Amino acid sequence: MNRATILDIEDKAVIFRNENGYGADAPIPLRSLLLKKNIITIFKPLSDKLDGMAILARNNIRFLMINRKHSIGKQHFTIGHELYHLFIQENFDSQKCNTELFELQKDIEERKADYFAACLLLPEKGVIQLIPNNERNTKNLISDATIFKIQHYYRVSVKAVIYRLVELGFVDKSYFETFKNDKKSIAKKLGYDMSLFEERAEDEILGNYAELAIRLNKEKKISETQFIKLMADINIDPFETCEDEQD
């Protein structure tokens, strides 16, 4: 990406943070943000080669599908990536995504989405505040302790943290190789819990999925068969009678 594009994405990430009340350095509670923005989000097992998918439907109805088999930290970065598609990219309708490829992304919009996620979830001011003074002035002095502190403060993957530190000029790409295999053991030795390295335990849906399905069925915008299928996807039988209704 050229410099003008990079600056434009950085500006859009700052504006998005400010518009949603997170300022220049606060971590973003993504679960709350997804609910606030009325994004129907489904966490379920997907192909290992698919990290997520975003859909912008009619009437600005927004859907996300996130691969829950990946680590929580990576899932969070994927959500940030998909937010670019849903709110920043022009003329967007849908996209299947592989995230955290950064400059290896072949599609320019995917590259922009990765960079947007890094800027959004790892804001420059906040990242720098977490780096000790003695690690700031010379390249490649960032310690294990600092990397995992940033990771757990912003709730993302180690890979995303290193990418952001590379972009900000604090480390070079050799850090990717250094932290390729031993992330969990290093984090454990530093006293951090392992939750960011684990996958989501079960399927989950955030948002008014069921309410939307019911409304579309009542308005005859989907068939009865489609409605039953949508409800079955979240393990709800629409014809099951509640005990309260039987009394």
Foldseek 3Di string as FASTA:
>chain_A
DDPVLLVVLLVVLQVVCVVVPNHQAAADPVLVVCAVVQEKEKEEADPPQFAKKWFQDPPRHIYIYGHLQAFQQASLLVSQLRCCQSPPDPPHGMDTDDELPAPVDPDPSSNSSNSSSLCNLGPPVNLVVLFDPVQAPDAPSGDPLSLVVSCVRSLHDSSSSVVSCVVVPRYHPVVCVVCVPCNQVSCVVVPHDCRRRGGDPHMDIDHDQLVVLVVCVVVVVDDPVVSCVSCVVVPDHPPDDDPVNVD
